[in-house]
C-alpha atoms as a PDB file:
ATOM      1  CA  MET A   1      30.507  70.170 -23.369  1.00  0.00           C
ATOM      2  CA  GLY A   2      31.998  72.839 -24.994  1.00  0.00           C
ATOM      3  CA  ILE A   3      34.021  71.530 -27.472  1.00  0.00           C
ATOM      4  CA  SER A   4      34.291  72.065 -30.661  1.00  0.00           C
ATOM      5  CA  LEU A   5      33.336  69.270 -33.469  1.00  0.00           C
ATOM      6  CA  LYS A   6      36.422  70.028 -35.054  1.00  0.00           C
ATOM      7  CA  THR A   7      38.984  69.824 -32.367  1.00  0.00           C
ATOM      8  CA  THR A   8      41.161  66.853 -31.996  1.00  0.00           C
ATOM      9  CA  ILE A   9      42.708  64.893 -29.323  1.00  0.00           C
ATOM     10  CA  ALA A  10      45.668  66.946 -29.948  1.00  0.00           C
ATOM     11  CA  ASP A  11      43.904  69.766 -28.882  1.00  0.00           C
ATOM     12  CA  LEU A  12      42.885  69.011 -25.490  1.00  0.00           C
ATOM     13  CA  PHE A  13      45.722  67.026 -24.227  1.00  0.00           C
ATOM     14  CA  VAL A  14      48.738  68.952 -24.564  1.00  0.00           C
ATOM     15  CA  ASP A  15      52.188  68.605 -22.571  1.00  0.00           C
ATOM     16  CA  GLY A  16      50.472  65.991 -20.530  1.00  0.00           C
ATOM     17  CA  ASN A  17      47.699  67.365 -19.627  1.00  0.00           C
ATOM     18  CA  TRP A  18      44.254  67.207 -21.031  1.00  0.00           C
ATOM     19  CA  ARG A  19      42.635  71.043 -20.868  1.00  0.00           C
ATOM     20  CA  LEU A  20      39.369  70.952 -21.157  1.00  0.00           C
ATOM     21  CA  PRO A  21      36.617  73.822 -20.822  1.00  0.00           C
ATOM     22  CA  PRO A  22      35.597  74.022 -16.800  1.00  0.00           C
ATOM     23  CA  PRO A  23      32.452  71.674 -15.999  1.00  0.00           C
ATOM     24  CA  ARG A  24      29.300  73.067 -15.980  1.00  0.00           C
ATOM     25  CA  SER A  25      27.192  70.146 -14.368  1.00  0.00           C
ATOM     26  CA  GLU A  26      28.333  67.594 -11.848  1.00  0.00           C
ATOM     27  CA  SER A  27      28.282  64.892 -15.208  1.00  0.00           C
ATOM     28  CA  MET A  28      30.677  66.954 -16.378  1.00  0.00           C
ATOM     29  CA  LEU A  29      32.691  66.703 -13.969  1.00  0.00           C
ATOM     30  CA  GLN A  30      32.521  63.190 -13.415  1.00  0.00           C
ATOM     31  CA  LEU A  31      33.853  63.062 -17.241  1.00  0.00           C
ATOM     32  CA  HIS A  32      36.692  65.129 -16.215  1.00  0.00           C
ATOM     33  CA  ILE A  33      37.973  62.934 -13.781  1.00  0.00           C
ATOM     34  CA  PHE A  34      37.446  60.520 -15.456  1.00  0.00           C
ATOM     35  CA  PHE A  35      39.266  61.770 -18.705  1.00  0.00           C
ATOM     36  CA  THR A  36      42.925  62.322 -16.314  1.00  0.00           C
ATOM     37  CA  THR A  37      43.232  58.461 -15.718  1.00  0.00           C
ATOM     38  CA  LEU A  38      43.343  58.306 -19.320  1.00  0.00           C
ATOM     39  CA  GLY A  39      46.941  58.399 -19.842  1.00  0.00           C
ATOM     40  CA  LEU A  40      47.761  59.292 -24.062  1.00  0.00           C
ATOM     41  CA  THR A  41      50.958  58.615 -26.498  1.00  0.00           C
ATOM     42  CA  GLU A  42      52.830  60.080 -28.794  1.00  0.00           C
ATOM     43  CA  THR A  43      52.593  56.811 -31.356  1.00  0.00           C
ATOM     44  CA  GLU A  44      50.223  56.913 -34.575  1.00  0.00           C
ATOM     45  CA  ASP A  45      46.867  56.266 -33.816  1.00  0.00           C
ATOM     46  CA  ARG A  46      45.604  53.225 -35.275  1.00  0.00           C
ATOM     47  CA  TYR A  47      41.962  52.100 -35.867  1.00  0.00           C
ATOM     48  CA  GLU A  48      40.598  48.620 -33.737  1.00  0.00           C
ATOM     49  CA  TRP A  49      38.217  47.035 -34.104  1.00  0.00           C
ATOM     50  CA  ILE A  50      36.186  44.813 -31.968  1.00  0.00           C
ATOM     51  CA  VAL A  51      33.779  42.037 -32.051  1.00  0.00           C
ATOM     52  CA  ASN A  52      32.425  39.999 -29.846  1.00  0.00           C
ATOM     53  CA  ASP A  53      35.436  41.340 -27.321  1.00  0.00           C
ATOM     54  CA  LYS A  54      38.177  40.008 -29.693  1.00  0.00           C
ATOM     55  CA  PRO A  55      40.052  43.299 -30.928  1.00  0.00           C
ATOM     56  CA  SER A  56      41.574  43.476 -34.487  1.00  0.00           C
ATOM     57  CA  SER A  57      43.384  45.827 -36.774  1.00  0.00           C
ATOM     58  CA  ARG A  58      41.520  44.453 -39.398  1.00  0.00           C
ATOM     59  CA  TYR A  59      38.200  45.670 -40.626  1.00  0.00           C
ATOM     60  CA  SER A  60      35.968  42.850 -42.029  1.00  0.00           C
ATOM     61  CA  THR A  61      32.786  43.668 -43.263  1.00  0.00           C
ATOM     62  CA  SER A  62      31.396  40.036 -43.432  1.00  0.00           C
ATOM     63  CA  GLU A  63      32.229  39.469 -40.087  1.00  0.00           C
ATOM     64  CA  ILE A  64      30.441  42.925 -39.210  1.00  0.00           C
ATOM     65  CA  TYR A  65      27.983  42.153 -40.926  1.00  0.00           C
ATOM     66  CA  ARG A  66      26.365  38.962 -39.426  1.00  0.00           C
ATOM     67  CA  LYS A  67      27.505  40.552 -35.765  1.00  0.00           C
ATOM     68  CA  LEU A  68      24.677  43.651 -36.836  1.00  0.00           C
ATOM     69  CA  ARG A  69      21.950  41.444 -38.643  1.00  0.00           C
ATOM     70  CA  ASP A  70      19.348  39.169 -36.154  1.00  0.00           C
ATOM     71  CA  ARG A  71      20.474  35.882 -36.816  1.00  0.00           C
ATOM     72  CA  GLU A  72      17.335  33.278 -36.443  1.00  0.00           C
ATOM     73  CA  GLU A  73      17.668  29.094 -36.268  1.00  0.00           C
ATOM     74  CA  THR A  74      18.035  27.698 -39.634  1.00  0.00           C
ATOM     75  CA  VAL A  75      14.437  26.398 -40.946  1.00  0.00           C
ATOM     76  CA  PRO A  76      14.224  23.260 -42.046  1.00  0.00           C
ATOM     77  CA  TRP A  77      13.666  23.784 -45.520  1.00  0.00           C
ATOM     78  CA  ALA A  78      16.193  25.534 -46.285  1.00  0.00           C
ATOM     79  CA  SER A  79      18.392  23.161 -47.906  1.00  0.00           C
ATOM     80  CA  ILE A  80      15.288  22.410 -50.180  1.00  0.00           C
ATOM     81  CA  VAL A  81      14.700  26.341 -51.660  1.00  0.00           C
ATOM     82  CA  TRP A  82      18.160  26.848 -51.507  1.00  0.00           C
ATOM     83  CA  ILE A  83      20.025  24.213 -53.534  1.00  0.00           C
ATOM     84  CA  GLY A  84      23.034  24.598 -54.818  1.00  0.00           C
ATOM     85  CA  ARG A  85      23.912  24.954 -58.866  1.00  0.00           C
ATOM     86  CA  GLY A  86      19.906  25.434 -58.749  1.00  0.00           C
ATOM     87  CA  ILE A  87      18.119  28.190 -61.342  1.00  0.00           C
ATOM     88  CA  PRO A  88      18.405  31.534 -58.715  1.00  0.00           C
ATOM     89  CA  ARG A  89      14.638  32.590 -59.818  1.00  0.00           C
ATOM     90  CA  HIS A  90      13.484  29.038 -59.372  1.00  0.00           C
ATOM     91  CA  ASN A  91      14.578  29.175 -55.376  1.00  0.00           C
ATOM     92  CA  PHE A  92      13.640  32.859 -55.102  1.00  0.00           C
ATOM     93  CA  LEU A  93       9.814  32.311 -55.638  1.00  0.00           C
ATOM     94  CA  THR A  94       9.748  29.039 -54.174  1.00  0.00           C
ATOM     95  CA  TRP A  95      11.488  30.938 -50.785  1.00  0.00           C
ATOM     96  CA  LEU A  96       8.059  33.044 -51.721  1.00  0.00           C
ATOM     97  CA  PHE A  97       5.835  30.115 -51.917  1.00  0.00           C
ATOM     98  CA  VAL A  98       7.055  28.428 -48.662  1.00  0.00           C
ATOM     99  CA  LEU A  99       5.772  31.968 -46.680  1.00  0.00           C
ATOM    100  CA  ASN A 100       3.289  31.985 -48.823  1.00  0.00           C
ATOM    101  CA  ARG A 101       3.540  35.683 -50.052  1.00  0.00           C
ATOM    102  CA  CYS A 102       3.127  36.268 -53.435  1.00  0.00           C
ATOM    103  CA  PRO A 103       0.130  37.583 -54.756  1.00  0.00           C
ATOM    104  CA  THR A 104      -2.630  34.570 -54.897  1.00  0.00           C
ATOM    105  CA  ARG A 105      -6.013  35.744 -55.426  1.00  0.00           C
ATOM    106  CA  ASP A 106      -6.709  34.918 -52.452  1.00  0.00           C
ATOM    107  CA  ARG A 107      -4.180  36.973 -50.885  1.00  0.00           C
ATOM    108  CA  LEU A 108      -5.856  39.636 -53.403  1.00  0.00           C
ATOM    109  CA  ILE A 109      -9.265  39.488 -51.929  1.00  0.00           C
ATOM    110  CA  GLY A 110      -7.360  39.422 -48.547  1.00  0.00           C
ATOM    111  CA  TRP A 111      -5.909  42.618 -48.794  1.00  0.00           C
ATOM    112  CA  GLY A 112      -8.998  44.248 -49.515  1.00  0.00           C
ATOM    113  CA  LEU A 113      -8.824  44.047 -53.532  1.00  0.00           C
ATOM    114  CA  GLN A 114     -12.133  43.811 -55.605  1.00  0.00           C
ATOM    115  CA  THR A 115     -10.922  40.478 -58.144  1.00  0.00           C
ATOM    116  CA  ASP A 116     -12.087  37.323 -59.135  1.00  0.00           C
ATOM    117  CA  GLY A 117     -11.295  34.901 -56.439  1.00  0.00           C
ATOM    118  CA  ALA A 118     -11.411  32.075 -58.993  1.00  0.00           C
ATOM    119  CA  CYS A 119      -8.781  30.047 -60.766  1.00  0.00           C
ATOM    120  CA  LEU A 120      -6.396  30.878 -63.384  1.00  0.00           C
ATOM    121  CA  LEU A 121      -5.111  27.496 -64.643  1.00  0.00           C
ATOM    122  CA  CYS A 122      -8.890  25.488 -64.260  1.00  0.00           C
ATOM    123  CA  ASN A 123     -11.785  28.143 -63.289  1.00  0.00           C
ATOM    124  CA  GLN A 124     -13.195  25.400 -60.491  1.00  0.00           C
ATOM    125  CA  ALA A 125     -12.036  26.197 -57.075  1.00  0.00           C
ATOM    126  CA  ALA A 126     -10.839  29.603 -55.245  1.00  0.00           C
ATOM    127  CA  GLU A 127      -7.134  30.195 -56.051  1.00  0.00           C
ATOM    128  CA  SER A 128      -4.572  29.808 -53.459  1.00  0.00           C
ATOM    129  CA  ARG A 129      -0.491  28.237 -52.874  1.00  0.00           C
ATOM    130  CA  ASP A 130      -2.576  25.274 -51.710  1.00  0.00           C
ATOM    131  CA  HIS A 131      -4.633  24.834 -54.342  1.00  0.00           C
ATOM    132  CA  LEU A 132      -2.175  25.785 -57.395  1.00  0.00           C
ATOM    133  CA  PHE A 133      -0.025  23.484 -55.284  1.00  0.00           C
ATOM    134  CA  TYR A 134      -1.378  20.733 -56.638  1.00  0.00           C
ATOM    135  CA  LEU A 135      -5.335  20.651 -55.905  1.00  0.00           C
ATOM    136  CA  CYS A 136      -5.947  22.437 -59.325  1.00  0.00           C
ATOM    137  CA  PRO A 137      -6.252  19.505 -62.222  1.00  0.00           C
ATOM    138  CA  TYR A 138      -4.200  21.325 -64.329  1.00  0.00           C
ATOM    139  CA  SER A 139      -0.623  21.936 -62.442  1.00  0.00           C
ATOM    140  CA  TRP A 140      -1.220  17.891 -61.056  1.00  0.00           C
ATOM    141  CA  GLY A 141      -2.044  17.269 -64.303  1.00  0.00           C
ATOM    142  CA  ILE A 142       1.840  18.744 -64.730  1.00  0.00           C
ATOM    143  CA  TRP A 143       3.367  17.577 -61.627  1.00  0.00           C
ATOM    144  CA  VAL A 144       2.048  13.754 -61.901  1.00  0.00           C
ATOM    145  CA  GLU A 145       4.439  13.465 -64.844  1.00  0.00           C
ATOM    146  CA  ILE A 146       6.661  15.307 -63.553  1.00  0.00           C
ATOM    147  CA  SER A 147       7.112  13.203 -60.583  1.00  0.00           C
ATOM    148  CA  ARG A 148       6.956  10.443 -62.752  1.00  0.00           C
ATOM    149  CA  ARG A 149      10.656  11.323 -64.385  1.00  0.00           C
ATOM    150  CA  CYS A 150      11.290  11.682 -60.598  1.00  0.00           C
ATOM    151  CA  HIS A 151       9.983   8.059 -59.718  1.00  0.00           C
ATOM    152  CA  LEU A 152       8.560  10.515 -56.835  1.00  0.00           C
ATOM    153  CA  GLN A 153       5.017  10.100 -55.961  1.00  0.00           C
ATOM    154  CA  PRO A 154       2.789  12.750 -56.333  1.00  0.00           C
ATOM    155  CA  LEU A 155       0.879  14.481 -53.573  1.00  0.00           C
ATOM    156  CA  ARG A 156      -1.867  17.170 -53.645  1.00  0.00           C
ATOM    157  CA  ASN A 157      -1.429  18.798 -50.237  1.00  0.00           C
ATOM    158  CA  TRP A 158       1.147  21.259 -49.991  1.00  0.00           C
ATOM    159  CA  ASP A 159       2.701  21.033 -46.494  1.00  0.00           C
ATOM    160  CA  GLN A 160       3.178  17.626 -47.619  1.00  0.00           C
ATOM    161  CA  THR A 161       4.617  17.993 -50.702  1.00  0.00           C
ATOM    162  CA  LEU A 162       7.176  20.335 -48.890  1.00  0.00           C
ATOM    163  CA  LEU A 163       7.643  17.120 -45.604  1.00  0.00           C
ATOM    164  CA  SER A 164       8.531  14.678 -49.136  1.00  0.00           C
ATOM    165  CA  MET A 165      11.215  17.524 -50.460  1.00  0.00           C
ATOM    166  CA  GLN A 166      12.885  17.329 -46.547  1.00  0.00           C
ATOM    167  CA  THR A 167      12.947  13.793 -46.407  1.00  0.00           C
ATOM    168  CA  LEU A 168      13.646  12.428 -49.987  1.00  0.00           C
ATOM    169  CA  GLN A 169      15.545   9.152 -50.388  1.00  0.00           C
ATOM    170  CA  GLY A 170      18.409   8.015 -52.399  1.00  0.00           C
ATOM    171  CA  ASN A 171      21.634   9.227 -53.853  1.00  0.00           C
ATOM    172  CA  LYS A 172      22.879  12.937 -53.390  1.00  0.00           C
ATOM    173  CA  THR A 173      22.231  13.290 -57.697  1.00  0.00           C
ATOM    174  CA  ALA A 174      18.990  11.762 -57.555  1.00  0.00           C
ATOM    175  CA  LYS A 175      17.593  13.765 -54.398  1.00  0.00           C
ATOM    176  CA  LYS A 176      19.197  17.165 -56.587  1.00  0.00           C
ATOM    177  CA  LEU A 177      17.208  16.021 -59.934  1.00  0.00           C
ATOM    178  CA  THR A 178      14.254  15.988 -58.214  1.00  0.00           C
ATOM    179  CA  LEU A 179      14.341  19.548 -55.761  1.00  0.00           C
ATOM    180  CA  LEU A 180      15.387  21.066 -59.577  1.00  0.00           C
ATOM    181  CA  CYS A 181      12.075  19.517 -60.743  1.00  0.00           C
ATOM    182  CA  TRP A 182       9.906  20.678 -57.873  1.00  0.00           C
ATOM    183  CA  GLN A 183      11.117  23.982 -58.514  1.00  0.00           C
ATOM    184  CA  SER A 184      10.825  24.155 -62.027  1.00  0.00           C
ATOM    185  CA  THR A 185       7.496  23.288 -61.896  1.00  0.00           C
ATOM    186  CA  ILE A 186       6.264  25.841 -59.491  1.00  0.00           C
ATOM    187  CA  TYR A 187       8.089  28.330 -61.675  1.00  0.00           C
ATOM    188  CA  TRP A 188       6.171  27.373 -64.587  1.00  0.00           C
ATOM    189  CA  VAL A 189       2.739  27.471 -62.628  1.00  0.00           C
ATOM    190  CA  TRP A 190       3.121  30.187 -61.967  1.00  0.00           C
ATOM    191  CA  GLN A 191       4.423  31.362 -65.178  1.00  0.00           C
ATOM    192  CA  GLU A 192       1.419  30.532 -66.728  1.00  0.00           C
ATOM    193  CA  ARG A 193      -0.825  32.178 -64.024  1.00  0.00           C
ATOM    194  CA  ASN A 194       0.046  34.662 -64.926  1.00  0.00           C
ATOM    195  CA  LYS A 195       0.407  34.707 -68.576  1.00  0.00           C
ATOM    196  CA  ARG A 196      -3.283  34.120 -68.547  1.00  0.00           C
ATOM    197  CA  LEU A 197      -4.176  36.899 -66.110  1.00  0.00           C
ATOM    198  CA  HIS A 198      -1.914  39.856 -67.899  1.00  0.00           C
ATOM    199  CA  ASN A 199      -1.789  38.392 -71.601  1.00  0.00           C
ATOM    200  CA  ASN A 200      -5.013  36.230 -72.132  1.00  0.00           C
ATOM    201  CA  GLN A 201      -2.335  33.523 -73.011  1.00  0.00           C
ATOM    202  CA  TYR A 202      -3.243  29.853 -72.487  1.00  0.00           C
ATOM    203  CA  ARG A 203      -0.353  26.183 -72.523  1.00  0.00           C
ATOM    204  CA  SER A 204      -1.611  23.120 -72.454  1.00  0.00           C
ATOM    205  CA  GLN A 205      -0.138  21.130 -69.894  1.00  0.00           C
ATOM    206  CA  ASP A 206       2.125  18.880 -72.184  1.00  0.00           C
ATOM    207  CA  ALA A 207       3.498  22.458 -73.270  1.00  0.00           C
ATOM    208  CA  VAL A 208       4.662  23.533 -70.184  1.00  0.00           C
ATOM    209  CA  ILE A 209       5.815  20.180 -68.999  1.00  0.00           C
ATOM    210  CA  LYS A 210       7.960  20.480 -72.622  1.00  0.00           C
ATOM    211  CA  LEU A 211       9.247  23.813 -70.945  1.00  0.00           C
ATOM    212  CA  ILE A 212      10.251  22.046 -67.373  1.00  0.00           C
ATOM    213  CA  THR A 213      12.059  19.427 -69.716  1.00  0.00           C
ATOM    214  CA  HIS A 214      13.749  22.465 -71.526  1.00  0.00           C
ATOM    215  CA  GLN A 215      15.036  23.879 -68.597  1.00  0.00           C
ATOM    216  CA  ILE A 216      16.033  20.935 -66.564  1.00  0.00           C
ATOM    217  CA  THR A 217      17.937  19.975 -70.223  1.00  0.00           C
ATOM    218  CA  ASP A 218      19.476  23.069 -70.364  1.00  0.00           C
ATOM    219  CA  ARG A 219      20.426  23.006 -66.601  1.00  0.00           C
ATOM    220  CA  ILE A 220      21.886  20.079 -66.991  1.00  0.00           C
ATOM    221  CA  SER A 221      24.139  21.001 -69.502  1.00  0.00           C
ATOM    222  CA  GLY A 222      25.533  23.948 -68.431  1.00  0.00           C
ATOM    223  CA  TYR A 223      27.221  22.575 -65.632  1.00  0.00           C
ATOM    224  CA  ARG A 224      29.643  20.848 -67.985  1.00  0.00           C
ATOM    225  CA  PHE A 225      31.375  24.500 -67.959  1.00  0.00           C
ATOM    226  CA  ASP A 226      32.085  24.102 -64.179  1.00  0.00           C
ATOM    227  CA  SER A 227      32.465  20.340 -63.884  1.00  0.00           C
ATOM    228  CA  PRO A 228      32.220  17.983 -66.685  1.00  0.00           C
ATOM    229  CA  ILE A 229      31.919  14.653 -64.460  1.00  0.00           C
ATOM    230  CA  ILE A 230      28.486  16.292 -62.985  1.00  0.00           C
ATOM    231  CA  SER A 231      27.069  17.439 -65.213  1.00  0.00           C
ATOM    232  CA  SER A 232      27.414  13.941 -67.307  1.00  0.00           C
ATOM    233  CA  ARG A 233      26.598  12.470 -63.804  1.00  0.00           C
ATOM    234  CA  TYR A 234      23.014  14.152 -63.706  1.00  0.00           C
ATOM    235  CA  MET A 235      22.098  14.214 -67.684  1.00  0.00           C
ATOM    236  CA  GLN A 236      22.957  10.279 -67.539  1.00  0.00           C
ATOM    237  CA  LEU A 237      20.047   9.664 -64.734  1.00  0.00           C
ATOM    238  CA  TRP A 238      17.936  13.065 -66.577  1.00  0.00           C
ATOM    239  CA  LEU A 239      17.647  10.981 -70.222  1.00  0.00           C
ATOM    240  CA  LEU A 240      16.825   7.871 -67.564  1.00  0.00           C
ATOM    241  CA  THR A 241      13.658   8.787 -66.396  1.00  0.00           C
ATOM    242  CA  ALA A 242      12.515   9.651 -70.068  1.00  0.00           C
ATOM    243  CA  SER A 243      11.025   6.819 -71.143  1.00  0.00           C
END
């Protein structure tokens, strides 16, 4: 339009009239005509945000973010992955495995990498998510013991296990404890796999089970800083399953 980028509205609107450069096209002429329909006042300028057709002088980062991002349907497994008072790194790793995005050997081979495809935990079958949880005899032995402590019937099939986590029975405390144990099992089985791959170090099933039980105990103990009552409730239930 021939207007400098540094020009302000006050420079163009003087004494109630628009001072615009002569229009050089039909579209610019129509824009000039539109400007004449706008009335300006001498009041101080203010910002106004319009979200969902609702004007507001208050800016909300969270509201703008929700508007800009794509909103997807809530997946049925969200509540068993992003559990309250969970262990963040366990939540995240479980999420990756639910989406089957972890670099298991079958995926590495699928990407074109030249690597041995055998499971690092049992060396009896090709490594994949579904094999690790829990077709692999090594991880299966761990899951059987952890399931026993949760009064849960262990399943070897990944999809069936995922469904069983979504349909847990019992009170809120028991279900939450079971989810903590399930996610911790996923985490430590994967850690053992990586330890063997990168450090050539091996732990027995009993050693991994102890890591899981100690971590669950520590997590429950940590609840006492927010709520001693909740911590005590979880700890009593957890200790009852030890025998």
